[in-house]
């Protein structure tokens, strides 16, 4: 049986090949960071309402309640509260930045599973823009001063290859959802 390389493993391999092995064993610690979870859910939850700032605040409020149920003891309530306040302060700037690209990322399908026996790759794409089948990944950390992190570029290239094969399209662009939309 053919085993597929998970696209998420490519970034681990770039850091250190042993991390892929340790991850497969389940030996890598997985601590849920509330600020990153909240930002990710905000980006997945946008639907393009007329009042984007209000929509983001509604998603944030819902996630403040849902995340403790989903993650249980893995998430510290005090840390979640602080993260929520931090994210709430970012919302006006995020809404302003998102407003300029919203037409490029909506409508879209979320968390799309992609797999190719020919390429030996598999992964779950964060967002697939339905107009043109454009892959988009959500990254909640800080971007480098210039360009894109190497692991993110490789990850997006892998998703682009999978998207091209699965949907029979040739891609010429991809959009990034990042923490500091300006």
N, C-alpha and C. Protein backbone atom coordinates (compact mmCIF):
# COMPACT_ATOMS: atom_id res chain seq x y z
N UNK A 1 0.83 -1.18 0.00
CA UNK A 1 0.00 0.00 0.00
C UNK A 1 0.88 1.25 0.00
N UNK A 2 0.55 2.19 -0.83
CA UNK A 2 1.30 3.43 -0.97
C UNK A 2 1.02 4.34 0.22
N UNK A 3 2.08 4.82 0.86
CA UNK A 3 1.89 5.80 1.94
C UNK A 3 2.14 7.18 1.37
N UNK A 4 1.30 8.10 1.78
CA UNK A 4 1.41 9.48 1.31
C UNK A 4 2.20 10.32 2.30
N UNK A 5 2.97 11.24 1.78
CA UNK A 5 3.64 12.23 2.62
C UNK A 5 2.63 13.32 2.91
N UNK A 6 2.44 13.61 4.19
CA UNK A 6 1.53 14.69 4.56
C UNK A 6 2.24 16.02 4.30
N UNK A 7 1.54 16.92 3.71
CA UNK A 7 2.15 18.22 3.39
C UNK A 7 2.62 18.92 4.67
N UNK A 8 1.91 18.73 5.77
CA UNK A 8 2.33 19.35 7.03
C UNK A 8 3.66 18.80 7.52
N UNK A 9 4.02 17.59 7.10
CA UNK A 9 5.31 17.01 7.51
C UNK A 9 6.49 17.67 6.81
N UNK A 10 6.25 18.33 5.69
CA UNK A 10 7.34 18.96 4.95
C UNK A 10 8.00 20.05 5.80
N UNK A 11 7.18 20.86 6.47
CA UNK A 11 7.74 21.90 7.35
C UNK A 11 8.51 21.32 8.51
N UNK A 12 8.00 20.24 9.09
CA UNK A 12 8.72 19.57 10.18
C UNK A 12 10.06 19.04 9.68
N UNK A 13 10.06 18.44 8.50
CA UNK A 13 11.28 17.88 7.92
C UNK A 13 12.33 18.97 7.69
N UNK A 14 11.87 20.15 7.25
CA UNK A 14 12.82 21.25 7.03
C UNK A 14 13.49 21.67 8.33
N UNK A 15 12.72 21.67 9.43
CA UNK A 15 13.30 22.02 10.73
C UNK A 15 14.29 20.96 11.18
N UNK A 16 13.85 19.69 11.09
CA UNK A 16 14.70 18.59 11.51
C UNK A 16 14.01 17.29 11.07
N UNK A 17 14.68 16.45 10.29
CA UNK A 17 14.06 15.21 9.83
C UNK A 17 13.57 14.31 10.97
N UNK A 18 14.20 14.37 12.12
CA UNK A 18 13.77 13.55 13.25
C UNK A 18 12.40 13.95 13.77
N UNK A 19 12.01 15.21 13.56
CA UNK A 19 10.70 15.66 14.03
C UNK A 19 9.56 14.89 13.35
N UNK A 20 9.76 14.51 12.09
CA UNK A 20 8.74 13.74 11.38
C UNK A 20 8.57 12.39 12.07
N UNK A 21 9.69 11.77 12.40
CA UNK A 21 9.66 10.48 13.10
C UNK A 21 9.00 10.61 14.47
N UNK A 22 9.42 11.62 15.24
CA UNK A 22 8.85 11.81 16.57
C UNK A 22 7.36 12.13 16.51
N UNK A 23 6.95 12.89 15.50
CA UNK A 23 5.54 13.21 15.34
C UNK A 23 4.74 11.94 15.03
N UNK A 24 5.30 11.08 14.19
CA UNK A 24 4.61 9.83 13.84
C UNK A 24 4.44 8.94 15.08
N UNK A 25 5.39 9.02 16.00
CA UNK A 25 5.29 8.24 17.24
C UNK A 25 4.34 8.87 18.25
N UNK A 26 3.96 10.13 17.99
CA UNK A 26 3.11 10.84 18.94
C UNK A 26 3.90 11.42 20.09
N UNK A 27 5.19 11.59 19.90
CA UNK A 27 6.07 12.07 20.97
C UNK A 27 6.21 13.58 21.03
N UNK A 28 5.73 14.28 20.02
CA UNK A 28 5.86 15.74 20.03
C UNK A 28 4.73 16.34 20.87
N UNK A 29 5.08 17.24 21.77
CA UNK A 29 4.02 17.87 22.56
C UNK A 29 3.16 18.77 21.68
N UNK A 30 1.87 18.76 21.94
CA UNK A 30 0.92 19.59 21.19
C UNK A 30 0.16 20.47 22.17
N UNK A 31 0.67 21.67 22.36
CA UNK A 31 -0.01 22.59 23.26
C UNK A 31 -0.83 23.56 22.43
N UNK A 32 -2.09 23.63 22.74
CA UNK A 32 -2.99 24.54 22.04
C UNK A 32 -2.71 25.97 22.50
N UNK A 33 -2.35 26.85 21.59
CA UNK A 33 -2.12 28.25 21.91
C UNK A 33 -3.38 29.02 21.55
N UNK A 34 -4.05 29.53 22.56
CA UNK A 34 -5.36 30.17 22.33
C UNK A 34 -5.35 31.28 21.29
N UNK A 35 -4.34 32.14 21.28
CA UNK A 35 -4.36 33.25 20.33
C UNK A 35 -4.33 32.72 18.90
N UNK A 36 -3.55 31.67 18.64
CA UNK A 36 -3.48 31.10 17.30
C UNK A 36 -4.78 30.38 16.93
N UNK A 37 -5.35 29.68 17.90
CA UNK A 37 -6.64 29.01 17.65
C UNK A 37 -7.73 30.02 17.32
N UNK A 38 -7.77 31.11 18.07
CA UNK A 38 -8.78 32.14 17.83
C UNK A 38 -8.61 32.80 16.46
N UNK A 39 -7.37 33.14 16.12
CA UNK A 39 -7.12 33.78 14.82
C UNK A 39 -7.48 32.84 13.67
N UNK A 40 -7.13 31.58 13.81
CA UNK A 40 -7.46 30.60 12.77
C UNK A 40 -8.98 30.50 12.58
N UNK A 41 -9.70 30.41 13.68
CA UNK A 41 -11.15 30.30 13.59
C UNK A 41 -11.78 31.57 13.00
N UNK A 42 -11.19 32.72 13.28
CA UNK A 42 -11.69 33.96 12.67
C UNK A 42 -11.57 33.89 11.15
N UNK A 43 -10.40 33.43 10.68
CA UNK A 43 -10.17 33.38 9.24
C UNK A 43 -11.03 32.31 8.57
N UNK A 44 -11.30 31.22 9.28
CA UNK A 44 -12.17 30.18 8.71
C UNK A 44 -13.64 30.60 8.74
N UNK A 45 -13.99 31.46 9.69
CA UNK A 45 -15.39 31.80 9.89
C UNK A 45 -15.92 32.93 9.05
N UNK A 46 -15.06 33.69 8.38
CA UNK A 46 -15.56 34.83 7.63
C UNK A 46 -16.42 34.39 6.45
N UNK A 47 -17.52 35.10 6.28
CA UNK A 47 -18.42 34.78 5.18
C UNK A 47 -18.68 35.99 4.29
N UNK A 48 -18.15 37.13 4.68
CA UNK A 48 -18.28 38.31 3.83
C UNK A 48 -19.52 39.14 4.11
N UNK A 49 -19.91 39.23 5.36
CA UNK A 49 -21.08 40.03 5.68
C UNK A 49 -20.78 41.52 5.44
N UNK A 50 -21.82 42.32 5.45
CA UNK A 50 -21.65 43.75 5.20
C UNK A 50 -20.83 44.42 6.28
N UNK A 51 -20.96 44.00 7.52
CA UNK A 51 -20.19 44.56 8.62
C UNK A 51 -19.17 43.52 9.07
N UNK A 52 -18.01 43.55 8.45
CA UNK A 52 -16.97 42.55 8.69
C UNK A 52 -16.45 42.59 10.12
N UNK A 53 -16.32 43.78 10.67
CA UNK A 53 -15.84 43.91 12.05
C UNK A 53 -16.80 43.23 13.02
N UNK A 54 -18.09 43.45 12.82
CA UNK A 54 -19.09 42.82 13.68
C UNK A 54 -19.08 41.30 13.50
N UNK A 55 -18.91 40.86 12.27
CA UNK A 55 -18.85 39.42 12.00
C UNK A 55 -17.66 38.78 12.73
N UNK A 56 -16.51 39.42 12.69
CA UNK A 56 -15.33 38.90 13.38
C UNK A 56 -15.53 38.86 14.89
N UNK A 57 -16.17 39.90 15.43
CA UNK A 57 -16.45 39.92 16.87
C UNK A 57 -17.43 38.82 17.27
N UNK A 58 -18.39 38.52 16.41
CA UNK A 58 -19.35 37.45 16.68
C UNK A 58 -18.65 36.09 16.67
N UNK A 59 -17.77 35.89 15.69
CA UNK A 59 -17.01 34.64 15.62
C UNK A 59 -16.14 34.49 16.85
N UNK A 60 -15.48 35.57 17.25
CA UNK A 60 -14.61 35.54 18.44
C UNK A 60 -15.41 35.16 19.68
N UNK A 61 -16.56 35.77 19.85
CA UNK A 61 -17.40 35.49 21.01
C UNK A 61 -17.82 34.02 21.05
N UNK A 62 -18.16 33.48 19.90
CA UNK A 62 -18.55 32.07 19.82
C UNK A 62 -17.37 31.16 20.15
N UNK A 63 -16.18 31.51 19.67
CA UNK A 63 -15.00 30.69 19.91
C UNK A 63 -14.55 30.73 21.37
N UNK A 64 -14.81 31.85 22.05
CA UNK A 64 -14.49 31.94 23.48
C UNK A 64 -15.26 30.87 24.26
N UNK A 65 -16.45 30.54 23.78
CA UNK A 65 -17.27 29.52 24.43
C UNK A 65 -16.94 28.12 23.92
N UNK A 66 -16.66 27.99 22.62
CA UNK A 66 -16.45 26.68 22.02
C UNK A 66 -15.09 26.06 22.33
N UNK A 67 -14.03 26.86 22.34
CA UNK A 67 -12.69 26.31 22.51
C UNK A 67 -12.51 25.53 23.82
N UNK A 68 -13.01 26.02 24.97
CA UNK A 68 -12.87 25.20 26.19
C UNK A 68 -13.60 23.86 26.08
N UNK A 69 -14.70 23.82 25.35
CA UNK A 69 -15.42 22.56 25.17
C UNK A 69 -14.65 21.60 24.28
N UNK A 70 -14.01 22.14 23.27
CA UNK A 70 -13.26 21.32 22.31
C UNK A 70 -11.95 20.84 22.91
N UNK A 71 -11.21 21.73 23.56
CA UNK A 71 -9.85 21.41 24.02
C UNK A 71 -9.78 21.01 25.49
N UNK A 72 -10.83 21.23 26.23
CA UNK A 72 -10.86 20.81 27.64
C UNK A 72 -9.69 21.35 28.45
N UNK A 73 -8.99 20.45 29.12
CA UNK A 73 -7.87 20.83 30.00
C UNK A 73 -6.65 21.33 29.23
N UNK A 74 -6.61 21.11 27.92
CA UNK A 74 -5.46 21.55 27.12
C UNK A 74 -5.39 23.07 27.03
N UNK A 75 -6.48 23.74 27.32
CA UNK A 75 -6.52 25.19 27.17
C UNK A 75 -6.78 25.84 28.53
N UNK A 76 -5.91 26.76 28.88
CA UNK A 76 -6.02 27.46 30.15
C UNK A 76 -7.04 28.59 30.01
N UNK A 77 -8.09 28.60 30.84
CA UNK A 77 -9.14 29.63 30.73
C UNK A 77 -8.59 31.06 30.85
N UNK A 78 -7.63 31.25 31.73
CA UNK A 78 -7.05 32.58 31.89
C UNK A 78 -6.28 33.00 30.65
N UNK A 79 -5.53 32.05 30.08
CA UNK A 79 -4.78 32.32 28.86
C UNK A 79 -5.74 32.60 27.69
N UNK A 80 -6.85 31.88 27.65
CA UNK A 80 -7.85 32.11 26.62
C UNK A 80 -8.46 33.51 26.74
N UNK A 81 -8.73 33.94 27.95
CA UNK A 81 -9.29 35.27 28.20
C UNK A 81 -8.32 36.35 27.71
N UNK A 82 -7.04 36.20 28.06
CA UNK A 82 -6.03 37.18 27.62
C UNK A 82 -5.90 37.17 26.10
N UNK A 83 -5.90 35.97 25.51
CA UNK A 83 -5.79 35.85 24.06
C UNK A 83 -6.98 36.50 23.37
N UNK A 84 -8.15 36.31 23.94
CA UNK A 84 -9.36 36.88 23.37
C UNK A 84 -9.30 38.41 23.38
N UNK A 85 -8.81 38.98 24.46
CA UNK A 85 -8.66 40.44 24.53
C UNK A 85 -7.65 40.93 23.50
N UNK A 86 -6.56 40.18 23.33
CA UNK A 86 -5.53 40.54 22.35
C UNK A 86 -6.11 40.50 20.93
N UNK A 87 -6.85 39.45 20.62
CA UNK A 87 -7.43 39.30 19.29
C UNK A 87 -8.51 40.36 19.06
N UNK A 88 -9.31 40.64 20.08
CA UNK A 88 -10.36 41.66 19.95
C UNK A 88 -9.75 43.02 19.57
N UNK A 89 -8.59 43.33 20.13
CA UNK A 89 -7.92 44.59 19.79
C UNK A 89 -7.43 44.61 18.34
N UNK A 90 -7.19 43.44 17.77
CA UNK A 90 -6.71 43.35 16.38
C UNK A 90 -7.84 43.45 15.36
N UNK A 91 -9.06 43.20 15.78
CA UNK A 91 -10.17 43.07 14.84
C UNK A 91 -10.38 44.28 13.93
N UNK A 92 -10.35 45.52 14.43
CA UNK A 92 -10.55 46.64 13.49
C UNK A 92 -9.53 46.65 12.36
N UNK A 93 -8.26 46.41 12.68
CA UNK A 93 -7.22 46.41 11.64
C UNK A 93 -7.38 45.19 10.72
N UNK A 94 -7.76 44.05 11.29
CA UNK A 94 -7.98 42.85 10.47
C UNK A 94 -9.13 43.08 9.50
N UNK A 95 -10.23 43.64 9.99
CA UNK A 95 -11.40 43.89 9.14
C UNK A 95 -11.03 44.83 8.01
N UNK A 96 -10.25 45.83 8.31
CA UNK A 96 -9.83 46.79 7.29
C UNK A 96 -8.97 46.09 6.23
N UNK A 97 -8.02 45.26 6.67
CA UNK A 97 -7.16 44.55 5.73
C UNK A 97 -7.92 43.50 4.92
N UNK A 98 -8.81 42.78 5.59
CA UNK A 98 -9.59 41.76 4.91
C UNK A 98 -10.52 42.35 3.87
N UNK A 99 -11.05 43.53 4.13
CA UNK A 99 -12.00 44.15 3.21
C UNK A 99 -11.40 44.33 1.82
N UNK A 100 -10.10 44.50 1.75
CA UNK A 100 -9.44 44.72 0.45
C UNK A 100 -9.24 43.42 -0.34
N UNK A 101 -9.29 42.27 0.34
CA UNK A 101 -9.04 41.00 -0.35
C UNK A 101 -10.22 40.03 -0.27
N UNK A 102 -11.29 40.43 0.37
CA UNK A 102 -12.42 39.53 0.60
C UNK A 102 -12.97 38.95 -0.70
N UNK A 103 -13.03 39.76 -1.74
CA UNK A 103 -13.55 39.27 -3.02
C UNK A 103 -12.63 38.24 -3.66
N UNK A 104 -11.37 38.16 -3.21
CA UNK A 104 -10.43 37.20 -3.76
C UNK A 104 -10.44 35.88 -3.01
N UNK A 105 -10.98 35.85 -1.79
CA UNK A 105 -10.98 34.61 -1.01
C UNK A 105 -12.37 34.03 -0.76
N UNK A 106 -13.40 34.72 -1.22
CA UNK A 106 -14.77 34.23 -1.08
C UNK A 106 -15.44 34.22 -2.44
N UNK A 107 -16.30 33.29 -2.72
CA UNK A 107 -16.69 32.15 -1.91
C UNK A 107 -15.58 31.09 -1.91
N UNK A 108 -15.58 30.27 -0.89
CA UNK A 108 -14.56 29.23 -0.78
C UNK A 108 -15.06 28.04 0.02
N UNK A 109 -14.38 26.93 -0.19
CA UNK A 109 -14.62 25.73 0.59
C UNK A 109 -13.55 25.67 1.67
N UNK A 110 -13.93 25.20 2.85
CA UNK A 110 -13.01 25.17 3.98
C UNK A 110 -12.54 23.76 4.29
N UNK A 111 -11.29 23.68 4.75
CA UNK A 111 -10.68 22.43 5.18
C UNK A 111 -10.94 21.30 4.18
N UNK A 112 -10.38 21.48 3.00
CA UNK A 112 -10.56 20.56 1.88
C UNK A 112 -9.49 19.48 1.93
N UNK A 113 -9.90 18.22 1.96
CA UNK A 113 -8.95 17.10 1.94
C UNK A 113 -8.50 16.86 0.51
N UNK A 114 -7.19 16.81 0.32
CA UNK A 114 -6.61 16.57 -1.00
C UNK A 114 -5.65 15.39 -0.90
N UNK A 115 -5.60 14.58 -1.98
CA UNK A 115 -4.76 13.38 -1.96
C UNK A 115 -4.41 13.02 -3.40
N UNK A 116 -3.17 12.56 -3.59
CA UNK A 116 -2.75 12.13 -4.91
C UNK A 116 -1.86 10.90 -4.78
N UNK A 117 -2.32 9.82 -5.40
CA UNK A 117 -1.49 8.61 -5.43
C UNK A 117 -0.29 8.83 -6.35
N UNK A 118 -0.51 9.56 -7.43
CA UNK A 118 0.58 9.82 -8.38
C UNK A 118 1.72 10.61 -7.74
N UNK A 119 1.37 11.64 -6.96
CA UNK A 119 2.38 12.48 -6.31
C UNK A 119 2.82 11.91 -4.96
N UNK A 120 2.01 11.05 -4.38
CA UNK A 120 2.34 10.50 -3.07
C UNK A 120 2.19 11.54 -1.96
N UNK A 121 1.29 12.49 -2.17
CA UNK A 121 1.07 13.57 -1.21
C UNK A 121 -0.38 13.58 -0.73
N UNK A 122 -0.57 14.08 0.48
CA UNK A 122 -1.92 14.30 0.99
C UNK A 122 -1.88 15.47 1.96
N UNK A 123 -3.04 16.06 2.18
CA UNK A 123 -3.11 17.17 3.13
C UNK A 123 -4.50 17.75 3.19
N UNK A 124 -4.69 18.58 4.19
CA UNK A 124 -5.96 19.28 4.36
C UNK A 124 -5.70 20.77 4.15
N UNK A 125 -6.23 21.28 3.06
CA UNK A 125 -6.08 22.69 2.69
C UNK A 125 -7.04 23.53 3.52
N UNK A 126 -6.56 24.66 4.04
CA UNK A 126 -7.40 25.52 4.88
C UNK A 126 -8.58 26.08 4.11
N UNK A 127 -8.33 26.61 2.94
CA UNK A 127 -9.39 27.28 2.18
C UNK A 127 -9.10 27.10 0.69
N UNK A 128 -10.13 26.71 -0.04
CA UNK A 128 -10.02 26.60 -1.49
C UNK A 128 -11.02 27.57 -2.10
N UNK A 129 -10.50 28.63 -2.71
CA UNK A 129 -11.36 29.63 -3.34
C UNK A 129 -12.02 28.96 -4.54
N UNK A 130 -13.33 28.93 -4.54
CA UNK A 130 -14.05 28.17 -5.56
C UNK A 130 -13.93 28.78 -6.95
N UNK A 131 -13.76 30.07 -7.05
CA UNK A 131 -13.59 30.72 -8.35
C UNK A 131 -12.13 30.55 -8.79
N UNK A 132 -11.86 29.53 -9.56
CA UNK A 132 -10.51 29.28 -10.05
C UNK A 132 -9.76 28.23 -9.26
N UNK A 133 -10.38 27.66 -8.23
CA UNK A 133 -9.74 26.63 -7.41
C UNK A 133 -8.38 27.09 -6.88
N UNK A 134 -8.36 28.24 -6.25
CA UNK A 134 -7.12 28.82 -5.73
C UNK A 134 -6.91 28.38 -4.28
N UNK A 135 -5.79 27.69 -4.00
CA UNK A 135 -5.53 27.26 -2.61
C UNK A 135 -5.09 28.44 -1.75
N UNK A 136 -5.51 28.42 -0.50
CA UNK A 136 -5.15 29.46 0.45
C UNK A 136 -4.87 28.78 1.79
N UNK A 137 -3.76 29.14 2.39
CA UNK A 137 -3.43 28.59 3.70
C UNK A 137 -3.51 29.70 4.73
N UNK A 138 -3.87 29.33 5.94
CA UNK A 138 -4.00 30.29 7.03
C UNK A 138 -2.83 30.12 7.97
N UNK A 139 -2.10 31.18 8.17
CA UNK A 139 -0.96 31.18 9.09
C UNK A 139 -1.19 32.29 10.10
N UNK A 140 -1.10 31.96 11.38
CA UNK A 140 -1.42 32.93 12.42
C UNK A 140 -0.19 33.52 13.08
N UNK A 141 0.98 33.09 12.68
CA UNK A 141 2.20 33.65 13.25
C UNK A 141 2.61 34.90 12.48
N UNK A 142 3.73 35.44 12.87
CA UNK A 142 4.22 36.64 12.20
C UNK A 142 4.95 36.27 10.92
N UNK A 143 4.75 37.07 9.90
CA UNK A 143 5.41 36.86 8.62
C UNK A 143 6.84 37.41 8.70
N UNK A 144 7.74 36.87 7.89
CA UNK A 144 9.09 37.43 7.87
C UNK A 144 9.06 38.85 7.32
N UNK A 145 10.14 39.58 7.54
CA UNK A 145 10.20 40.97 7.08
C UNK A 145 9.99 41.10 5.57
N UNK A 146 10.52 40.14 4.83
CA UNK A 146 10.32 40.17 3.38
C UNK A 146 10.00 38.77 2.88
N UNK A 147 8.98 38.66 2.08
CA UNK A 147 8.63 37.38 1.49
C UNK A 147 7.78 36.49 2.37
N UNK A 148 8.00 35.19 2.23
CA UNK A 148 7.20 34.16 2.89
C UNK A 148 8.16 33.14 3.47
N UNK A 149 7.82 32.57 4.61
CA UNK A 149 8.65 31.52 5.20
C UNK A 149 8.80 30.38 4.19
N UNK A 150 9.99 29.78 4.13
CA UNK A 150 10.27 28.71 3.19
C UNK A 150 9.29 27.54 3.36
N UNK A 151 9.03 27.15 4.60
CA UNK A 151 8.13 26.01 4.82
C UNK A 151 6.71 26.32 4.35
N UNK A 152 6.27 27.57 4.49
CA UNK A 152 4.93 27.95 4.02
C UNK A 152 4.87 27.95 2.50
N UNK A 153 5.94 28.40 1.86
CA UNK A 153 6.01 28.41 0.40
C UNK A 153 5.95 26.98 -0.14
N UNK A 154 6.70 26.07 0.50
CA UNK A 154 6.68 24.67 0.07
C UNK A 154 5.32 24.02 0.33
N UNK A 155 4.73 24.35 1.46
CA UNK A 155 3.41 23.81 1.78
C UNK A 155 2.39 24.26 0.75
N UNK A 156 2.38 25.52 0.43
CA UNK A 156 1.44 26.03 -0.56
C UNK A 156 1.71 25.43 -1.94
N UNK A 157 2.98 25.23 -2.28
CA UNK A 157 3.31 24.59 -3.56
C UNK A 157 2.75 23.16 -3.60
N UNK A 158 2.85 22.45 -2.50
CA UNK A 158 2.29 21.09 -2.43
C UNK A 158 0.78 21.12 -2.61
N UNK A 159 0.11 22.04 -1.94
CA UNK A 159 -1.34 22.15 -2.09
C UNK A 159 -1.71 22.56 -3.51
N UNK A 160 -0.91 23.41 -4.11
CA UNK A 160 -1.18 23.81 -5.50
C UNK A 160 -1.08 22.61 -6.43
N UNK A 161 -0.07 21.77 -6.24
CA UNK A 161 0.08 20.58 -7.08
C UNK A 161 -1.11 19.64 -6.90
N UNK A 162 -1.53 19.44 -5.65
CA UNK A 162 -2.68 18.58 -5.38
C UNK A 162 -3.96 19.16 -5.98
N UNK A 163 -4.13 20.46 -5.87
CA UNK A 163 -5.31 21.12 -6.41
C UNK A 163 -5.35 21.01 -7.92
N UNK A 164 -4.22 21.26 -8.55
CA UNK A 164 -4.16 21.14 -10.01
C UNK A 164 -4.55 19.74 -10.47
N UNK A 165 -4.03 18.73 -9.79
CA UNK A 165 -4.33 17.36 -10.19
C UNK A 165 -5.80 17.00 -9.92
N UNK A 166 -6.29 17.34 -8.74
CA UNK A 166 -7.65 16.94 -8.38
C UNK A 166 -8.71 17.64 -9.21
N UNK A 167 -8.49 18.92 -9.53
CA UNK A 167 -9.52 19.69 -10.22
C UNK A 167 -9.19 19.93 -11.70
N UNK A 168 -8.04 19.45 -12.16
CA UNK A 168 -7.69 19.59 -13.57
C UNK A 168 -7.54 21.03 -14.01
N UNK A 169 -6.96 21.86 -13.15
CA UNK A 169 -6.76 23.27 -13.48
C UNK A 169 -5.27 23.60 -13.39
N UNK A 170 -4.88 24.68 -14.05
CA UNK A 170 -3.51 25.18 -13.94
C UNK A 170 -3.56 26.45 -13.11
N UNK A 171 -2.82 26.45 -12.02
CA UNK A 171 -2.85 27.59 -11.11
C UNK A 171 -1.74 28.57 -11.42
N UNK A 172 -2.07 29.84 -11.27
CA UNK A 172 -1.07 30.88 -11.51
C UNK A 172 -0.95 31.82 -10.31
N UNK A 173 -1.80 31.61 -9.28
CA UNK A 173 -1.74 32.50 -8.13
C UNK A 173 -2.25 31.77 -6.89
N UNK A 174 -1.89 32.31 -5.74
CA UNK A 174 -2.39 31.79 -4.47
C UNK A 174 -2.45 32.95 -3.49
N UNK A 175 -3.39 32.91 -2.57
CA UNK A 175 -3.56 33.98 -1.61
C UNK A 175 -3.22 33.50 -0.22
N UNK A 176 -2.65 34.38 0.55
CA UNK A 176 -2.24 34.06 1.91
C UNK A 176 -3.12 34.78 2.89
N UNK A 177 -3.55 34.11 3.93
CA UNK A 177 -4.23 34.74 5.05
C UNK A 177 -3.22 34.76 6.20
N UNK A 178 -2.80 35.96 6.59
CA UNK A 178 -1.79 36.06 7.63
C UNK A 178 -2.30 36.88 8.80
N UNK A 179 -1.56 36.86 9.85
CA UNK A 179 -1.99 37.52 11.09
C UNK A 179 -2.13 39.02 10.91
N UNK A 180 -1.16 39.66 10.36
CA UNK A 180 -1.19 41.11 10.25
C UNK A 180 -1.61 41.55 8.87
N UNK A 181 -2.89 41.53 8.61
CA UNK A 181 -3.40 42.01 7.33
C UNK A 181 -3.40 43.53 7.34
N UNK A 182 -2.64 44.09 6.43
CA UNK A 182 -2.57 45.56 6.38
C UNK A 182 -2.80 46.04 4.97
